[in-house]
C-alpha atoms as a PDB file:
ATOM      1  CA  UNK A   1     -19.771 119.646-123.056  1.00  0.00           C
ATOM      2  CA  UNK A   2     -21.110 123.216-122.894  1.00  0.00           C
ATOM      3  CA  UNK A   3     -24.348 124.520-124.356  1.00  0.00           C
ATOM      4  CA  UNK A   4     -24.251 124.155-128.154  1.00  0.00           C
ATOM      5  CA  UNK A   5     -25.910 126.814-130.285  1.00  0.00           C
ATOM      6  CA  UNK A   6     -26.760 126.461-133.966  1.00  0.00           C
ATOM      7  CA  UNK A   7     -26.347 129.974-135.368  1.00  0.00           C
ATOM      8  CA  UNK A   8     -27.742 130.470-138.880  1.00  0.00           C
ATOM      9  CA  UNK A   9     -26.744 133.881-140.256  1.00  0.00           C
ATOM     10  CA  UNK A  10     -25.999 134.839-143.862  1.00  0.00           C
ATOM     11  CA  UNK A  11     -24.065 138.037-143.029  1.00  0.00           C
ATOM     12  CA  UNK A  12     -20.556 136.613-142.763  1.00  0.00           C
ATOM     13  CA  UNK A  13     -19.047 139.464-140.751  1.00  0.00           C
ATOM     14  CA  UNK A  14     -21.946 139.636-138.293  1.00  0.00           C
ATOM     15  CA  UNK A  15     -22.044 135.854-137.982  1.00  0.00           C
ATOM     16  CA  UNK A  16     -18.327 135.662-137.205  1.00  0.00           C
ATOM     17  CA  UNK A  17     -18.539 138.465-134.619  1.00  0.00           C
ATOM     18  CA  UNK A  18     -21.581 136.923-132.935  1.00  0.00           C
ATOM     19  CA  UNK A  19     -19.986 133.473-132.887  1.00  0.00           C
ATOM     20  CA  UNK A  20     -16.857 134.900-131.230  1.00  0.00           C
ATOM     21  CA  UNK A  21     -18.967 136.766-128.661  1.00  0.00           C
ATOM     22  CA  UNK A  22     -20.958 133.666-127.774  1.00  0.00           C
ATOM     23  CA  UNK A  23     -17.802 131.567-127.542  1.00  0.00           C
ATOM     24  CA  UNK A  24     -16.296 134.145-125.176  1.00  0.00           C
ATOM     25  CA  UNK A  25     -19.342 133.529-122.992  1.00  0.00           C
ATOM     26  CA  UNK A  26     -18.643 129.776-122.954  1.00  0.00           C
ATOM     27  CA  UNK A  27     -21.112 128.605-125.606  1.00  0.00           C
ATOM     28  CA  UNK A  28     -20.177 126.194-128.369  1.00  0.00           C
ATOM     29  CA  UNK A  29     -21.316 127.593-131.709  1.00  0.00           C
ATOM     30  CA  UNK A  30     -22.134 125.787-134.965  1.00  0.00           C
ATOM     31  CA  UNK A  31     -22.320 128.463-137.684  1.00  0.00           C
ATOM     32  CA  UNK A  32     -24.272 128.049-140.920  1.00  0.00           C
ATOM     33  CA  UNK A  33     -24.440 130.657-143.684  1.00  0.00           C
ATOM     34  CA  UNK A  34     -27.974 130.067-145.029  1.00  0.00           C
ATOM     35  CA  UNK A  35     -31.144 128.146-144.333  1.00  0.00           C
ATOM     36  CA  UNK A  36     -30.212 125.087-146.384  1.00  0.00           C
ATOM     37  CA  UNK A  37     -26.835 124.724-144.668  1.00  0.00           C
ATOM     38  CA  UNK A  38     -28.566 125.417-141.355  1.00  0.00           C
ATOM     39  CA  UNK A  39     -30.966 122.520-141.928  1.00  0.00           C
ATOM     40  CA  UNK A  40     -28.104 120.207-142.904  1.00  0.00           C
ATOM     41  CA  UNK A  41     -26.191 121.075-139.740  1.00  0.00           C
ATOM     42  CA  UNK A  42     -29.315 120.744-137.607  1.00  0.00           C
ATOM     43  CA  UNK A  43     -29.801 117.210-138.963  1.00  0.00           C
ATOM     44  CA  UNK A  44     -26.157 116.210-138.458  1.00  0.00           C
ATOM     45  CA  UNK A  45     -25.122 118.076-135.292  1.00  0.00           C
ATOM     46  CA  UNK A  46     -26.532 117.982-131.769  1.00  0.00           C
ATOM     47  CA  UNK A  47     -27.462 121.406-130.409  1.00  0.00           C
ATOM     48  CA  UNK A  48     -29.287 122.868-127.421  1.00  0.00           C
ATOM     49  CA  UNK A  49     -30.580 126.080-129.010  1.00  0.00           C
ATOM     50  CA  UNK A  50     -31.068 127.577-132.477  1.00  0.00           C
ATOM     51  CA  UNK A  51     -30.537 131.262-133.299  1.00  0.00           C
ATOM     52  CA  UNK A  52     -31.923 132.011-136.757  1.00  0.00           C
ATOM     53  CA  UNK A  53     -31.854 134.994-139.068  1.00  0.00           C
ATOM     54  CA  UNK A  54     -35.045 135.367-141.108  1.00  0.00           C
ATOM     55  CA  UNK A  55     -33.941 136.895-144.431  1.00  0.00           C
ATOM     56  CA  UNK A  56     -31.514 134.353-145.899  1.00  0.00           C
ATOM     57  CA  UNK A  57     -30.784 132.938-149.366  1.00  0.00           C
ATOM     58  CA  UNK A  58     -31.969 129.487-150.449  1.00  0.00           C
ATOM     59  CA  UNK A  59     -34.201 129.020-147.384  1.00  0.00           C
ATOM     60  CA  UNK A  60     -35.529 131.733-145.057  1.00  0.00           C
ATOM     61  CA  UNK A  61     -35.531 131.441-141.285  1.00  0.00           C
ATOM     62  CA  UNK A  62     -39.273 130.845-140.939  1.00  0.00           C
ATOM     63  CA  UNK A  63     -39.104 127.901-143.367  1.00  0.00           C
ATOM     64  CA  UNK A  64     -36.100 126.520-141.517  1.00  0.00           C
ATOM     65  CA  UNK A  65     -37.895 126.839-138.168  1.00  0.00           C
ATOM     66  CA  UNK A  66     -40.858 124.847-139.541  1.00  0.00           C
ATOM     67  CA  UNK A  67     -38.505 122.044-140.612  1.00  0.00           C
ATOM     68  CA  UNK A  68     -36.819 122.081-137.196  1.00  0.00           C
ATOM     69  CA  UNK A  69     -40.201 121.914-135.465  1.00  0.00           C
ATOM     70  CA  UNK A  70     -41.169 118.882-137.558  1.00  0.00           C
ATOM     71  CA  UNK A  71     -38.146 117.071-136.143  1.00  0.00           C
ATOM     72  CA  UNK A  72     -38.040 118.533-132.637  1.00  0.00           C
ATOM     73  CA  UNK A  73     -40.992 120.270-130.985  1.00  0.00           C
ATOM     74  CA  UNK A  74     -39.031 121.267-127.871  1.00  0.00           C
ATOM     75  CA  UNK A  75     -35.695 122.634-129.119  1.00  0.00           C
ATOM     76  CA  UNK A  76     -35.515 126.351-128.244  1.00  0.00           C
ATOM     77  CA  UNK A  77     -35.516 128.716-131.227  1.00  0.00           C
ATOM     78  CA  UNK A  78     -34.653 132.411-131.136  1.00  0.00           C
ATOM     79  CA  UNK A  79     -35.071 134.630-134.180  1.00  0.00           C
ATOM     80  CA  UNK A  80     -32.434 137.357-134.422  1.00  0.00           C
ATOM     81  CA  UNK A  81     -33.384 139.546-137.349  1.00  0.00           C
ATOM     82  CA  UNK A  82     -33.849 143.011-138.792  1.00  0.00           C
ATOM     83  CA  UNK A  83     -37.480 142.180-139.659  1.00  0.00           C
ATOM     84  CA  UNK A  84     -39.243 144.172-136.953  1.00  0.00           C
ATOM     85  CA  UNK A  85     -42.798 144.469-138.327  1.00  0.00           C
ATOM     86  CA  UNK A  86     -45.486 143.146-136.018  1.00  0.00           C
ATOM     87  CA  UNK A  87     -46.581 140.671-138.716  1.00  0.00           C
ATOM     88  CA  UNK A  88     -43.066 139.223-138.810  1.00  0.00           C
ATOM     89  CA  UNK A  89     -42.900 138.926-135.011  1.00  0.00           C
ATOM     90  CA  UNK A  90     -46.259 137.161-134.951  1.00  0.00           C
ATOM     91  CA  UNK A  91     -45.192 134.798-137.724  1.00  0.00           C
ATOM     92  CA  UNK A  92     -42.045 134.011-135.747  1.00  0.00           C
ATOM     93  CA  UNK A  93     -44.041 132.920-132.719  1.00  0.00           C
ATOM     94  CA  UNK A  94     -46.542 131.038-134.899  1.00  0.00           C
ATOM     95  CA  UNK A  95     -43.828 128.868-136.421  1.00  0.00           C
ATOM     96  CA  UNK A  96     -42.586 127.980-132.955  1.00  0.00           C
ATOM     97  CA  UNK A  97     -40.128 130.623-131.772  1.00  0.00           C
ATOM     98  CA  UNK A  98     -39.343 130.920-128.075  1.00  0.00           C
ATOM     99  CA  UNK A  99     -38.138 134.513-128.537  1.00  0.00           C
ATOM    100  CA  UNK A 100     -37.842 137.118-131.289  1.00  0.00           C
ATOM    101  CA  UNK A 101     -35.075 139.727-131.101  1.00  0.00           C
ATOM    102  CA  UNK A 102     -34.751 142.568-133.589  1.00  0.00           C
ATOM    103  CA  UNK A 103     -31.502 144.128-134.751  1.00  0.00           C
ATOM    104  CA  UNK A 104     -29.834 146.250-133.539  1.00  0.00           C
ATOM    105  CA  UNK A 105     -29.683 144.770-130.043  1.00  0.00           C
ATOM    106  CA  UNK A 106     -27.484 144.946-126.949  1.00  0.00           C
ATOM    107  CA  UNK A 107     -25.172 141.960-126.552  1.00  0.00           C
ATOM    108  CA  UNK A 108     -25.987 141.709-122.845  1.00  0.00           C
ATOM    109  CA  UNK A 109     -29.693 141.545-123.679  1.00  0.00           C
ATOM    110  CA  UNK A 110     -29.047 138.658-126.048  1.00  0.00           C
ATOM    111  CA  UNK A 111     -27.233 136.735-123.316  1.00  0.00           C
ATOM    112  CA  UNK A 112     -30.051 137.311-120.819  1.00  0.00           C
ATOM    113  CA  UNK A 113     -32.637 136.152-123.342  1.00  0.00           C
ATOM    114  CA  UNK A 114     -30.618 133.057-124.247  1.00  0.00           C
ATOM    115  CA  UNK A 115     -30.331 132.153-120.570  1.00  0.00           C
ATOM    116  CA  UNK A 116     -34.059 132.752-120.024  1.00  0.00           C
ATOM    117  CA  UNK A 117     -35.041 130.571-122.986  1.00  0.00           C
ATOM    118  CA  UNK A 118     -32.687 127.783-121.908  1.00  0.00           C
ATOM    119  CA  UNK A 119     -34.095 127.949-118.383  1.00  0.00           C
ATOM    120  CA  UNK A 120     -37.675 127.666-119.638  1.00  0.00           C
ATOM    121  CA  UNK A 121     -36.777 124.763-121.918  1.00  0.00           C
ATOM    122  CA  UNK A 122     -35.450 122.512-119.160  1.00  0.00           C
ATOM    123  CA  UNK A 123     -37.201 119.131-119.121  1.00  0.00           C
ATOM    124  CA  UNK A 124     -40.026 118.553-116.629  1.00  0.00           C
ATOM    125  CA  UNK A 125     -37.661 116.698-114.273  1.00  0.00           C
ATOM    126  CA  UNK A 126     -35.811 119.997-113.821  1.00  0.00           C
ATOM    127  CA  UNK A 127     -38.660 122.471-114.318  1.00  0.00           C
ATOM    128  CA  UNK A 128     -42.239 121.292-114.256  1.00  0.00           C
ATOM    129  CA  UNK A 129     -43.772 123.024-117.281  1.00  0.00           C
ATOM    130  CA  UNK A 130     -47.074 121.244-116.676  1.00  0.00           C
ATOM    131  CA  UNK A 131     -47.390 122.531-113.111  1.00  0.00           C
ATOM    132  CA  UNK A 132     -50.911 123.528-112.085  1.00  0.00           C
ATOM    133  CA  UNK A 133     -50.148 125.062-108.670  1.00  0.00           C
ATOM    134  CA  UNK A 134     -47.688 127.842-107.938  1.00  0.00           C
ATOM    135  CA  UNK A 135     -46.403 129.560-104.803  1.00  0.00           C
ATOM    136  CA  UNK A 136     -45.883 133.302-105.189  1.00  0.00           C
ATOM    137  CA  UNK A 137     -44.698 134.854-101.957  1.00  0.00           C
ATOM    138  CA  UNK A 138     -47.699 134.704 -99.634  1.00  0.00           C
ATOM    139  CA  UNK A 139     -49.998 133.651-102.487  1.00  0.00           C
ATOM    140  CA  UNK A 140     -50.940 130.181-103.673  1.00  0.00           C
ATOM    141  CA  UNK A 141     -52.248 130.056-107.241  1.00  0.00           C
ATOM    142  CA  UNK A 142     -54.251 127.020-108.380  1.00  0.00           C
ATOM    143  CA  UNK A 143     -54.559 127.215-112.162  1.00  0.00           C
ATOM    144  CA  UNK A 144     -57.226 124.526-112.808  1.00  0.00           C
ATOM    145  CA  UNK A 145     -59.497 125.978-110.108  1.00  0.00           C
ATOM    146  CA  UNK A 146     -58.479 129.553-111.031  1.00  0.00           C
ATOM    147  CA  UNK A 147     -58.096 130.409-107.346  1.00  0.00           C
ATOM    148  CA  UNK A 148     -55.582 132.893-105.938  1.00  0.00           C
ATOM    149  CA  UNK A 149     -55.247 132.462-102.183  1.00  0.00           C
ATOM    150  CA  UNK A 150     -53.558 135.011 -99.950  1.00  0.00           C
ATOM    151  CA  UNK A 151     -52.025 133.058 -97.075  1.00  0.00           C
ATOM    152  CA  UNK A 152     -50.863 136.170 -95.251  1.00  0.00           C
ATOM    153  CA  UNK A 153     -54.353 136.614 -93.824  1.00  0.00           C
ATOM    154  CA  UNK A 154     -56.030 134.645 -91.021  1.00  0.00           C
ATOM    155  CA  UNK A 155     -57.917 132.741 -92.237  1.00  0.00           C
ATOM    156  CA  UNK A 156     -56.425 132.678 -95.778  1.00  0.00           C
ATOM    157  CA  UNK A 157     -58.464 134.672 -98.279  1.00  0.00           C
ATOM    158  CA  UNK A 158     -59.208 133.227-101.705  1.00  0.00           C
ATOM    159  CA  UNK A 159     -60.646 134.697-104.878  1.00  0.00           C
ATOM    160  CA  UNK A 160     -61.565 133.205-108.234  1.00  0.00           C
ATOM    161  CA  UNK A 161     -59.856 134.623-111.306  1.00  0.00           C
ATOM    162  CA  UNK A 162     -61.401 134.963-114.730  1.00  0.00           C
ATOM    163  CA  UNK A 163     -60.188 132.457-117.349  1.00  0.00           C
ATOM    164  CA  UNK A 164     -57.896 134.985-119.057  1.00  0.00           C
ATOM    165  CA  UNK A 165     -56.580 136.271-115.704  1.00  0.00           C
ATOM    166  CA  UNK A 166     -55.681 132.686-114.810  1.00  0.00           C
ATOM    167  CA  UNK A 167     -54.033 131.992-118.175  1.00  0.00           C
ATOM    168  CA  UNK A 168     -51.996 135.188-117.962  1.00  0.00           C
ATOM    169  CA  UNK A 169     -50.907 134.579-114.371  1.00  0.00           C
ATOM    170  CA  UNK A 170     -49.847 131.032-115.258  1.00  0.00           C
ATOM    171  CA  UNK A 171     -47.675 132.361-118.114  1.00  0.00           C
ATOM    172  CA  UNK A 172     -46.100 134.781-115.637  1.00  0.00           C
ATOM    173  CA  UNK A 173     -45.455 131.915-113.227  1.00  0.00           C
ATOM    174  CA  UNK A 174     -43.778 129.847-115.945  1.00  0.00           C
ATOM    175  CA  UNK A 175     -41.612 132.882-116.809  1.00  0.00           C
ATOM    176  CA  UNK A 176     -41.088 133.877-113.172  1.00  0.00           C
ATOM    177  CA  UNK A 177     -38.387 136.575-112.870  1.00  0.00           C
ATOM    178  CA  UNK A 178     -37.844 136.326-116.650  1.00  0.00           C
ATOM    179  CA  UNK A 179     -39.278 138.434-119.468  1.00  0.00           C
ATOM    180  CA  UNK A 180     -42.696 137.406-120.749  1.00  0.00           C
ATOM    181  CA  UNK A 181     -42.731 138.810-124.308  1.00  0.00           C
ATOM    182  CA  UNK A 182     -45.911 140.771-124.977  1.00  0.00           C
ATOM    183  CA  UNK A 183     -46.412 139.126-128.386  1.00  0.00           C
ATOM    184  CA  UNK A 184     -46.025 135.639-126.932  1.00  0.00           C
ATOM    185  CA  UNK A 185     -48.739 136.278-124.334  1.00  0.00           C
ATOM    186  CA  UNK A 186     -51.101 137.834-126.877  1.00  0.00           C
ATOM    187  CA  UNK A 187     -50.711 135.018-129.395  1.00  0.00           C
ATOM    188  CA  UNK A 188     -51.024 132.243-126.792  1.00  0.00           C
ATOM    189  CA  UNK A 189     -54.003 133.713-124.916  1.00  0.00           C
ATOM    190  CA  UNK A 190     -55.810 136.052-127.333  1.00  0.00           C
ATOM    191  CA  UNK A 191     -54.636 134.260-130.534  1.00  0.00           C
ATOM    192  CA  UNK A 192     -53.705 137.564-132.172  1.00  0.00           C
ATOM    193  CA  UNK A 193     -51.668 140.703-131.556  1.00  0.00           C
ATOM    194  CA  UNK A 194     -53.283 143.992-132.512  1.00  0.00           C
ATOM    195  CA  UNK A 195     -54.056 147.323-130.867  1.00  0.00           C
ATOM    196  CA  UNK A 196     -57.309 146.149-129.268  1.00  0.00           C
ATOM    197  CA  UNK A 197     -55.967 142.876-127.847  1.00  0.00           C
ATOM    198  CA  UNK A 198     -52.894 144.716-126.546  1.00  0.00           C
ATOM    199  CA  UNK A 199     -55.123 147.205-124.709  1.00  0.00           C
ATOM    200  CA  UNK A 200     -57.191 144.310-123.362  1.00  0.00           C
ATOM    201  CA  UNK A 201     -54.035 142.645-122.067  1.00  0.00           C
ATOM    202  CA  UNK A 202     -53.037 145.894-120.325  1.00  0.00           C
ATOM    203  CA  UNK A 203     -56.363 145.809-118.456  1.00  0.00           C
ATOM    204  CA  UNK A 204     -55.656 142.269-117.253  1.00  0.00           C
ATOM    205  CA  UNK A 205     -52.105 143.242-116.219  1.00  0.00           C
ATOM    206  CA  UNK A 206     -53.590 146.054-114.122  1.00  0.00           C
ATOM    207  CA  UNK A 207     -55.989 143.604-112.460  1.00  0.00           C
ATOM    208  CA  UNK A 208     -53.202 141.160-111.612  1.00  0.00           C
ATOM    209  CA  UNK A 209     -51.118 143.983-110.150  1.00  0.00           C
ATOM    210  CA  UNK A 210     -54.072 144.934-107.948  1.00  0.00           C
ATOM    211  CA  UNK A 211     -54.462 141.350-106.706  1.00  0.00           C
ATOM    212  CA  UNK A 212     -50.757 140.854-106.009  1.00  0.00           C
ATOM    213  CA  UNK A 213     -50.054 144.195-104.307  1.00  0.00           C
ATOM    214  CA  UNK A 214     -50.942 142.674-100.911  1.00  0.00           C
ATOM    215  CA  UNK A 215     -47.461 141.111-100.987  1.00  0.00           C
ATOM    216  CA  UNK A 216     -44.873 143.864-101.454  1.00  0.00           C
ATOM    217  CA  UNK A 217     -42.307 141.329-102.681  1.00  0.00           C
ATOM    218  CA  UNK A 218     -44.328 140.771-105.854  1.00  0.00           C
ATOM    219  CA  UNK A 219     -44.277 143.200-108.761  1.00  0.00           C
ATOM    220  CA  UNK A 220     -45.164 143.065-112.443  1.00  0.00           C
ATOM    221  CA  UNK A 221     -42.807 145.466-114.221  1.00  0.00           C
ATOM    222  CA  UNK A 222     -42.823 146.741-117.794  1.00  0.00           C
ATOM    223  CA  UNK A 223     -39.816 145.851-119.940  1.00  0.00           C
ATOM    224  CA  UNK A 224     -39.924 148.628-122.530  1.00  0.00           C
ATOM    225  CA  UNK A 225     -40.342 147.308-126.038  1.00  0.00           C
ATOM    226  CA  UNK A 226     -40.340 143.672-124.933  1.00  0.00           C
ATOM    227  CA  UNK A 227     -43.043 142.747-122.436  1.00  0.00           C
ATOM    228  CA  UNK A 228     -43.354 142.233-118.694  1.00  0.00           C
ATOM    229  CA  UNK A 229     -41.646 140.489-115.774  1.00  0.00           C
ATOM    230  CA  UNK A 230     -43.261 139.083-112.646  1.00  0.00           C
ATOM    231  CA  UNK A 231     -40.586 139.609-110.011  1.00  0.00           C
ATOM    232  CA  UNK A 232     -40.440 137.964-106.602  1.00  0.00           C
ATOM    233  CA  UNK A 233     -38.131 139.909-104.307  1.00  0.00           C
ATOM    234  CA  UNK A 234     -36.638 138.697-101.062  1.00  0.00           C
ATOM    235  CA  UNK A 235     -37.597 140.444 -97.848  1.00  0.00           C
ATOM    236  CA  UNK A 236     -40.586 141.044 -95.643  1.00  0.00           C
ATOM    237  CA  UNK A 237     -44.053 141.361 -97.102  1.00  0.00           C
ATOM    238  CA  UNK A 238     -46.053 144.492 -96.504  1.00  0.00           C
END
């Protein structure tokens, strides 16, 4: 059986088009037309991922996500909605979203985000979400000790990160080569997303870039409008 997606979308034409597109890309799609029907199908059908609109009759997407989270704390949830205000994005992550995509969007971007969310949601036997130590090129990062050790030097050189530097680098490691949404990082680490916390996060991104530049295979890149990616490239280190 392929990956099964519960798609809850009240716009019939858009829902039908999106279902067809996902099915062309080898997903099985369960389509519901509002939040109440979406909850009924969630309770009666097995699925691997939920894609929810927010503005829907009878039950909105945020309310539906809360009900889903009461039953399943791990099932990936993506909001796909026209509600693009920062307050709506924050509320989406607060109720348990793994990603928040605003309309209009590129279909290829949706596929990449679905694949990234599914990859991150693999059980610990496949992807150790509770990992405390990470290898990044020539670096070894120990999260509990907050140490970043450069093994390309003789002897290896180690430095201690600040608590927020360590939390941010660990999020990057868990999203390695995938997009780390800016709002997700701000809510998880700073507990809010506003102008001042965003500027603070930019300072910490700059610090991490400075630490990691000793290995030319490592780069933190901006993903315009979405967040950042920590990329590990193949090839020799500089």
